C-alpha atoms as a PDB file:
ATOM      1  CA  MET A   1       0.000   0.000   0.000  1.00  0.00           C
ATOM      2  CA  THR A   2       1.776   3.152  -1.206  1.00  0.00           C
ATOM      3  CA  ARG A   3       1.278   6.501   0.455  1.00  0.00           C
ATOM      4  CA  ALA A   4      -0.951   8.997  -1.319  1.00  0.00           C
ATOM      5  CA  PRO A   5       0.714  12.354  -2.105  1.00  0.00           C
ATOM      6  CA  HIS A   6      -0.677  14.297   0.844  1.00  0.00           C
ATOM      7  CA  GLY A   7       0.398  14.926   4.419  1.00  0.00           C
ATOM      8  CA  GLY A   8      -2.405  13.271   6.379  1.00  0.00           C
ATOM      9  CA  PHE A   9      -4.063   9.875   6.220  1.00  0.00           C
ATOM     10  CA  PHE A  10      -7.275   9.284   4.277  1.00  0.00           C
ATOM     11  CA  ILE A  11      -9.645   6.465   5.333  1.00  0.00           C
ATOM     12  CA  THR A  12     -12.932   5.700   3.597  1.00  0.00           C
ATOM     13  CA  PHE A  13     -15.809   3.393   4.530  1.00  0.00           C
ATOM     14  CA  GLU A  14     -17.941   1.744   1.859  1.00  0.00           C
ATOM     15  CA  GLY A  15     -20.775  -0.764   1.667  1.00  0.00           C
ATOM     16  CA  GLY A  16     -24.426  -1.252   0.858  1.00  0.00           C
ATOM     17  CA  GLU A  17     -27.468   0.038   2.695  1.00  0.00           C
ATOM     18  CA  GLY A  18     -27.628  -0.942   6.366  1.00  0.00           C
ATOM     19  CA  ALA A  19     -24.014  -2.130   6.526  1.00  0.00           C
ATOM     20  CA  GLY A  20     -23.346  -0.054   9.660  1.00  0.00           C
ATOM     21  CA  LYS A  21     -20.798   2.344   8.173  1.00  0.00           C
ATOM     22  CA  SER A  22     -21.938   5.433  10.065  1.00  0.00           C
ATOM     23  CA  SER A  23     -21.650   3.693  13.434  1.00  0.00           C
ATOM     24  CA  GLN A  24     -18.213   2.247  12.671  1.00  0.00           C
ATOM     25  CA  VAL A  25     -16.920   5.572  11.342  1.00  0.00           C
ATOM     26  CA  LYS A  26     -17.735   7.208  14.680  1.00  0.00           C
ATOM     27  CA  ARG A  27     -16.254   4.351  16.706  1.00  0.00           C
ATOM     28  CA  LEU A  28     -12.989   4.442  14.784  1.00  0.00           C
ATOM     29  CA  ALA A  29     -12.748   8.227  15.100  1.00  0.00           C
ATOM     30  CA  GLU A  30     -13.202   7.988  18.871  1.00  0.00           C
ATOM     31  CA  HIS A  31     -10.421   5.407  19.202  1.00  0.00           C
ATOM     32  CA  LEU A  32      -7.973   7.380  17.074  1.00  0.00           C
ATOM     33  CA  ARG A  33      -8.697  10.625  18.930  1.00  0.00           C
ATOM     34  CA  ARG A  34      -8.097   8.826  22.205  1.00  0.00           C
ATOM     35  CA  LEU A  35      -4.666   7.903  20.881  1.00  0.00           C
ATOM     36  CA  GLY A  36      -3.896  11.524  20.079  1.00  0.00           C
ATOM     37  CA  ALA A  37      -4.733  11.704  16.378  1.00  0.00           C
ATOM     38  CA  SER A  38      -6.403  14.788  14.905  1.00  0.00           C
ATOM     39  CA  VAL A  39      -9.434  13.298  13.127  1.00  0.00           C
ATOM     40  CA  ILE A  40     -11.910  14.860  10.697  1.00  0.00           C
ATOM     41  CA  LEU A  41     -15.200  13.001  10.147  1.00  0.00           C
ATOM     42  CA  THR A  42     -17.035  13.632   6.921  1.00  0.00           C
ATOM     43  CA  ARG A  43     -19.444  11.976   4.464  1.00  0.00           C
ATOM     44  CA  GLU A  44     -20.638  11.765   0.869  1.00  0.00           C
ATOM     45  CA  PRO A  45     -22.684  13.047  -0.679  1.00  0.00           C
ATOM     46  CA  GLY A  46     -22.082  16.081   1.503  1.00  0.00           C
ATOM     47  CA  GLY A  47     -19.233  17.042   3.783  1.00  0.00           C
ATOM     48  CA  SER A  48     -19.084  20.727   2.817  1.00  0.00           C
ATOM     49  CA  PRO A  49     -21.742  23.472   2.592  1.00  0.00           C
ATOM     50  CA  GLY A  50     -22.138  23.249  -1.176  1.00  0.00           C
ATOM     51  CA  ALA A  51     -22.072  19.462  -1.233  1.00  0.00           C
ATOM     52  CA  GLU A  52     -24.692  19.237   1.535  1.00  0.00           C
ATOM     53  CA  LEU A  53     -27.089  21.249  -0.627  1.00  0.00           C
ATOM     54  CA  LEU A  54     -26.567  18.785  -3.475  1.00  0.00           C
ATOM     55  CA  ARG A  55     -26.984  15.838  -1.070  1.00  0.00           C
ATOM     56  CA  GLU A  56     -30.634  16.698  -0.514  1.00  0.00           C
ATOM     57  CA  LEU A  57     -31.199  16.934  -4.252  1.00  0.00           C
ATOM     58  CA  LEU A  58     -29.496  13.612  -4.968  1.00  0.00           C
ATOM     59  CA  LEU A  59     -31.100  11.551  -2.213  1.00  0.00           C
ATOM     60  CA  SER A  60     -34.571  12.913  -2.931  1.00  0.00           C
ATOM     61  CA  GLY A  61     -34.465  11.236  -6.349  1.00  0.00           C
ATOM     62  CA  THR A  62     -35.122  14.497  -8.193  1.00  0.00           C
ATOM     63  CA  VAL A  63     -31.998  14.103 -10.325  1.00  0.00           C
ATOM     64  CA  ARG A  64     -32.812  10.544 -11.355  1.00  0.00           C
ATOM     65  CA  GLU A  65     -35.159  11.649 -14.148  1.00  0.00           C
ATOM     66  CA  PHE A  66     -32.208  13.287 -15.940  1.00  0.00           C
ATOM     67  CA  GLY A  67     -30.479   9.923 -16.344  1.00  0.00           C
ATOM     68  CA  PRO A  68     -27.488   8.122 -14.792  1.00  0.00           C
ATOM     69  CA  ALA A  69     -24.818  10.255 -16.480  1.00  0.00           C
ATOM     70  CA  ALA A  70     -26.320  13.484 -15.155  1.00  0.00           C
ATOM     71  CA  GLU A  71     -26.696  11.950 -11.701  1.00  0.00           C
ATOM     72  CA  ALA A  72     -23.040  10.857 -11.698  1.00  0.00           C
ATOM     73  CA  MET A  73     -21.938  14.339 -12.740  1.00  0.00           C
ATOM     74  CA  ILE A  74     -23.924  16.012  -9.960  1.00  0.00           C
ATOM     75  CA  PHE A  75     -22.371  13.580  -7.475  1.00  0.00           C
ATOM     76  CA  SER A  76     -19.026  14.653  -8.911  1.00  0.00           C
ATOM     77  CA  ALA A  77     -19.869  18.348  -8.498  1.00  0.00           C
ATOM     78  CA  ALA A  78     -20.602  17.667  -4.825  1.00  0.00           C
ATOM     79  CA  ARG A  79     -17.315  15.752  -4.522  1.00  0.00           C
ATOM     80  CA  ILE A  80     -15.304  18.621  -6.015  1.00  0.00           C
ATOM     81  CA  ASP A  81     -16.634  21.022  -3.378  1.00  0.00           C
ATOM     82  CA  HIS A  82     -16.094  18.421  -0.645  1.00  0.00           C
ATOM     83  CA  LEU A  83     -12.482  17.852  -1.705  1.00  0.00           C
ATOM     84  CA  ASP A  84     -11.687  21.556  -2.031  1.00  0.00           C
ATOM     85  CA  GLN A  85     -13.409  22.713   1.150  1.00  0.00           C
ATOM     86  CA  THR A  86     -12.921  19.810   3.563  1.00  0.00           C
ATOM     87  CA  ILE A  87     -10.761  16.848   2.573  1.00  0.00           C
ATOM     88  CA  ARG A  88      -7.688  18.434   0.977  1.00  0.00           C
ATOM     89  CA  PRO A  89      -7.264  21.188   3.610  1.00  0.00           C
ATOM     90  CA  ALA A  90      -7.496  18.580   6.393  1.00  0.00           C
ATOM     91  CA  LEU A  91      -4.947  16.287   4.740  1.00  0.00           C
ATOM     92  CA  ALA A  92      -2.620  19.250   4.162  1.00  0.00           C
ATOM     93  CA  ARG A  93      -2.753  19.912   7.932  1.00  0.00           C
ATOM     94  CA  GLY A  94      -1.732  16.300   8.583  1.00  0.00           C
ATOM     95  CA  ASP A  95      -5.145  15.207   9.904  1.00  0.00           C
ATOM     96  CA  VAL A  96      -6.674  11.754   9.648  1.00  0.00           C
ATOM     97  CA  VAL A  97      -9.746  12.094   7.428  1.00  0.00           C
ATOM     98  CA  ILE A  98     -12.458   9.421   7.795  1.00  0.00           C
ATOM     99  CA  CYS A  99     -15.133   9.624   5.118  1.00  0.00           C
ATOM    100  CA  ASP A 100     -18.453   7.743   5.045  1.00  0.00           C
ATOM    101  CA  ARG A 101     -18.528   6.868   1.307  1.00  0.00           C
ATOM    102  CA  PHE A 102     -16.269   8.166  -1.459  1.00  0.00           C
ATOM    103  CA  ILE A 103     -15.223   7.081  -4.958  1.00  0.00           C
ATOM    104  CA  ASP A 104     -16.156   3.414  -4.601  1.00  0.00           C
ATOM    105  CA  SER A 105     -19.782   4.315  -3.948  1.00  0.00           C
ATOM    106  CA  THR A 106     -19.878   6.118  -7.286  1.00  0.00           C
ATOM    107  CA  ARG A 107     -18.376   3.077  -8.992  1.00  0.00           C
ATOM    108  CA  ALA A 108     -20.854   0.769  -7.274  1.00  0.00           C
ATOM    109  CA  TYR A 109     -24.095   2.750  -7.169  1.00  0.00           C
ATOM    110  CA  GLN A 110     -23.878   4.417 -10.563  1.00  0.00           C
ATOM    111  CA  GLY A 111     -22.474   1.230 -12.061  1.00  0.00           C
ATOM    112  CA  ALA A 112     -24.965  -1.177 -10.464  1.00  0.00           C
ATOM    113  CA  SER A 113     -27.776  -0.126 -12.791  1.00  0.00           C
ATOM    114  CA  GLY A 114     -25.661  -1.161 -15.768  1.00  0.00           C
ATOM    115  CA  GLN A 115     -26.545   2.066 -17.567  1.00  0.00           C
ATOM    116  CA  LEU A 116     -23.113   3.692 -17.263  1.00  0.00           C
ATOM    117  CA  GLU A 117     -20.020   2.144 -18.803  1.00  0.00           C
ATOM    118  CA  ALA A 118     -17.055   1.714 -16.495  1.00  0.00           C
ATOM    119  CA  GLY A 119     -14.906   3.885 -18.752  1.00  0.00           C
ATOM    120  CA  PHE A 120     -17.187   6.882 -18.222  1.00  0.00           C
ATOM    121  CA  ILE A 121     -17.001   6.509 -14.439  1.00  0.00           C
ATOM    122  CA  ASP A 122     -13.217   6.023 -14.547  1.00  0.00           C
ATOM    123  CA  ARG A 123     -12.672   9.163 -16.621  1.00  0.00           C
ATOM    124  CA  LEU A 124     -14.932  11.208 -14.374  1.00  0.00           C
ATOM    125  CA  GLU A 125     -13.094   9.912 -11.305  1.00  0.00           C
ATOM    126  CA  ARG A 126      -9.673  10.854 -12.689  1.00  0.00           C
ATOM    127  CA  ILE A 127     -10.830  14.379 -13.487  1.00  0.00           C
ATOM    128  CA  VAL A 128     -12.535  14.971 -10.130  1.00  0.00           C
ATOM    129  CA  ILE A 129     -10.185  13.479  -7.540  1.00  0.00           C
ATOM    130  CA  GLY A 130      -6.782  13.572  -9.241  1.00  0.00           C
ATOM    131  CA  ASP A 131      -4.196  12.293  -6.762  1.00  0.00           C
ATOM    132  CA  THR A 132      -6.424  12.589  -3.685  1.00  0.00           C
ATOM    133  CA  ARG A 133      -7.125   8.905  -3.238  1.00  0.00           C
ATOM    134  CA  PRO A 134      -7.835   6.986  -0.037  1.00  0.00           C
ATOM    135  CA  ASP A 135      -4.902   5.408   1.770  1.00  0.00           C
ATOM    136  CA  LEU A 136      -7.175   2.715   3.218  1.00  0.00           C
ATOM    137  CA  THR A 137     -10.756   1.654   2.487  1.00  0.00           C
ATOM    138  CA  PHE A 138     -12.972  -0.558   4.629  1.00  0.00           C
ATOM    139  CA  ILE A 139     -15.739  -2.262   2.659  1.00  0.00           C
ATOM    140  CA  LEU A 140     -18.451  -3.512   5.007  1.00  0.00           C
ATOM    141  CA  ASP A 141     -19.988  -6.564   3.398  1.00  0.00           C
ATOM    142  CA  LEU A 142     -23.278  -8.323   4.170  1.00  0.00           C
ATOM    143  CA  PRO A 143     -26.186  -9.891   2.257  1.00  0.00           C
ATOM    144  CA  PRO A 144     -28.519  -7.194   0.900  1.00  0.00           C
ATOM    145  CA  GLU A 145     -31.623  -8.724   2.530  1.00  0.00           C
ATOM    146  CA  ILE A 146     -30.037  -8.168   5.942  1.00  0.00           C
ATOM    147  CA  GLY A 147     -28.835  -4.707   5.031  1.00  0.00           C
ATOM    148  CA  MET A 148     -32.204  -3.551   3.752  1.00  0.00           C
ATOM    149  CA  ALA A 149     -33.938  -4.862   6.879  1.00  0.00           C
ATOM    150  CA  ARG A 150     -31.447  -2.967   9.042  1.00  0.00           C
ATOM    151  CA  ALA A 151     -31.895   0.172   6.947  1.00  0.00           C
ATOM    152  CA  GLY A 152     -35.671  -0.037   7.401  1.00  0.00           C
ATOM    153  CA  LEU A 153     -35.325  -0.281  11.178  1.00  0.00           C
ATOM    154  CA  ARG A 154     -32.901   2.636  11.212  1.00  0.00           C
ATOM    155  CA  ARG A 155     -35.125   4.775   9.022  1.00  0.00           C
ATOM    156  CA  GLY A 156     -38.299   4.194  11.029  1.00  0.00           C
ATOM    157  CA  SER A 157     -41.065   6.456   9.768  1.00  0.00           C
ATOM    158  CA  ASP A 158     -38.696   8.683   7.743  1.00  0.00           C
ATOM    159  CA  GLN A 159     -39.128   8.803   3.988  1.00  0.00           C
ATOM    160  CA  ILE A 160     -37.213   6.174   2.006  1.00  0.00           C
ATOM    161  CA  ASP A 161     -34.361   7.688  -0.004  1.00  0.00           C
ATOM    162  CA  ARG A 162     -33.474   7.383  -3.687  1.00  0.00           C
ATOM    163  CA  PHE A 163     -31.219   4.307  -3.315  1.00  0.00           C
ATOM    164  CA  GLU A 164     -33.068   2.415  -0.603  1.00  0.00           C
ATOM    165  CA  ALA A 165     -36.042   2.432  -2.991  1.00  0.00           C
ATOM    166  CA  GLU A 166     -34.201   0.250  -5.533  1.00  0.00           C
ATOM    167  CA  ASP A 167     -35.149  -3.437  -5.774  1.00  0.00           C
ATOM    168  CA  LEU A 168     -33.198  -6.336  -4.246  1.00  0.00           C
ATOM    169  CA  SER A 169     -31.450  -7.221  -7.516  1.00  0.00           C
ATOM    170  CA  PHE A 170     -29.917  -3.724  -7.604  1.00  0.00           C
ATOM    171  CA  HIS A 171     -28.599  -4.151  -4.075  1.00  0.00           C
ATOM    172  CA  GLN A 172     -27.192  -7.600  -4.888  1.00  0.00           C
ATOM    173  CA  GLN A 173     -25.356  -6.133  -7.862  1.00  0.00           C
ATOM    174  CA  LEU A 174     -24.158  -3.350  -5.569  1.00  0.00           C
ATOM    175  CA  ARG A 175     -22.691  -5.909  -3.177  1.00  0.00           C
ATOM    176  CA  ASN A 176     -21.042  -7.784  -6.050  1.00  0.00           C
ATOM    177  CA  THR A 177     -19.431  -4.565  -7.280  1.00  0.00           C
ATOM    178  CA  PHE A 178     -18.041  -3.667  -3.848  1.00  0.00           C
ATOM    179  CA  ARG A 179     -16.615  -7.179  -3.466  1.00  0.00           C
ATOM    180  CA  ARG A 180     -15.035  -6.941  -6.916  1.00  0.00           C
ATOM    181  CA  ILE A 181     -13.414  -3.611  -5.997  1.00  0.00           C
ATOM    182  CA  ALA A 182     -11.943  -5.234  -2.864  1.00  0.00           C
ATOM    183  CA  GLU A 183     -10.515  -8.073  -4.971  1.00  0.00           C
ATOM    184  CA  GLN A 184      -9.052  -5.721  -7.570  1.00  0.00           C
ATOM    185  CA  GLU A 185      -7.407  -3.345  -5.080  1.00  0.00           C
ATOM    186  CA  PRO A 186      -6.206  -5.496  -2.151  1.00  0.00           C
ATOM    187  CA  ASP A 187      -3.476  -3.036  -1.136  1.00  0.00           C
ATOM    188  CA  ARG A 188      -6.064  -0.329  -0.427  1.00  0.00           C
ATOM    189  CA  CYS A 189      -9.234  -2.233   0.443  1.00  0.00           C
ATOM    190  CA  ARG A 190     -10.125  -4.408   3.414  1.00  0.00           C
ATOM    191  CA  LEU A 191     -13.318  -6.479   3.146  1.00  0.00           C
ATOM    192  CA  ILE A 192     -15.034  -6.664   6.547  1.00  0.00           C
ATOM    193  CA  ASN A 193     -17.806  -9.124   7.449  1.00  0.00           C
ATOM    194  CA  ALA A 194     -20.600  -6.770   8.582  1.00  0.00           C
ATOM    195  CA  SER A 195     -23.018  -9.579   9.481  1.00  0.00           C
ATOM    196  CA  SER A 196     -21.400  -9.837  12.923  1.00  0.00           C
ATOM    197  CA  SER A 197     -22.195  -7.732  15.979  1.00  0.00           C
ATOM    198  CA  GLU A 198     -21.083  -4.080  16.053  1.00  0.00           C
ATOM    199  CA  ALA A 199     -18.336  -4.960  18.546  1.00  0.00           C
ATOM    200  CA  GLU A 200     -17.027  -7.780  16.349  1.00  0.00           C
ATOM    201  CA  VAL A 201     -17.055  -5.568  13.261  1.00  0.00           C
ATOM    202  CA  GLU A 202     -15.251  -2.868  15.227  1.00  0.00           C
ATOM    203  CA  ALA A 203     -12.584  -5.365  16.322  1.00  0.00           C
ATOM    204  CA  SER A 204     -12.062  -6.533  12.720  1.00  0.00           C
ATOM    205  CA  ILE A 205     -11.627  -2.955  11.532  1.00  0.00           C
ATOM    206  CA  TRP A 206      -9.137  -2.163  14.279  1.00  0.00           C
ATOM    207  CA  SER A 207      -7.126  -5.293  13.556  1.00  0.00           C
ATOM    208  CA  ALA A 208      -6.933  -4.350   9.872  1.00  0.00           C
ATOM    209  CA  LEU A 209      -5.920  -0.787  10.752  1.00  0.00           C
ATOM    210  CA  LEU A 210      -3.042  -1.681  13.090  1.00  0.00           C
ATOM    211  CA  PRO A 211      -0.346  -1.964  10.361  1.00  0.00           C
ATOM    212  CA  ALA A 212      -1.201   1.581   9.196  1.00  0.00           C
ATOM    213  CA  LEU A 213      -0.873   3.252  12.612  1.00  0.00           C
ATOM    214  CA  PRO A 214       2.822   4.194  12.171  1.00  0.00           C
ATOM    215  CA  ARG A 215       1.884   6.085   9.007  1.00  0.00           C
ATOM    216  CA  MET A 216      -0.420   8.201  11.174  1.00  0.00           C
ATOM    217  CA  GLY A 217       2.401   8.921  13.603  1.00  0.00           C
ATOM    218  CA  LEU A 218       1.111   6.368  16.131  1.00  0.00           C
ATOM    219  CA  ASN A 219       3.119   3.536  17.650  1.00  0.00           C
ATOM    220  CA  ALA A 220       1.496   0.256  16.598  1.00  0.00           C
ATOM    221  CA  GLU A 221       2.731  -1.885  19.497  1.00  0.00           C
ATOM    222  CA  THR A 222       1.911   0.653  22.203  1.00  0.00           C
ATOM    223  CA  GLN A 223      -1.463   1.555  20.787  1.00  0.00           C
ATOM    224  CA  SER A 224      -2.422  -2.105  20.268  1.00  0.00           C
ATOM    225  CA  ALA A 225      -1.737  -2.800  23.925  1.00  0.00           C
ATOM    226  CA  GLU A 226      -3.642   0.273  25.094  1.00  0.00           C
ATOM    227  CA  HIS A 227      -6.647  -0.166  22.817  1.00  0.00           C
ATOM    228  CA  LYS A 228      -9.628  -1.734  24.552  1.00  0.00           C
ATOM    229  CA  LEU A 229     -12.672  -2.860  22.565  1.00  0.00           C
END
């Protein structure tokens, strides 16, 4: 796993609906802060004032009627603002940035419908993110039936969003795409079994993160001994 050309450390979390990313992002941030790291938590779509405005538009489903290419480009517009306003400044300061979704969600969600060729998504990705790529990505993996059930419980009476409304075959394809990304980029990606309890998932993430601690300026042996799950 080679170091990205920035001063901090960039971690992303990916996975389908109900995989538990948001909970694990917060847990990891708490542990790293306890060890003295300066941590920035962020998310996509969103993460900056301009991108948060586009988040509402994207998740409402309003953009869907303009087609998958337009939707991917609006996601990219949100990502540009997010990178410029939040991610790159934090990395330049030497912070650890933990982001709930990033480039792999675009590859998976916009690609899962089969309406966008991979080449289009790849070209868009190169233009938008340049060299600002994650140092480490955790892909939380679980069967879509379980994930959708969890997402329904989490949502409660709130309105279903644009992607939760897709059928089960879409979410199965989504899972397949995430798993394929993990296979294709093993140096960056760690596939985590998200069917386990939150504590077990947390322990798996921490174990996978340990080799990267020195790159964050943290002592792996000391921090492993001090860390309590």
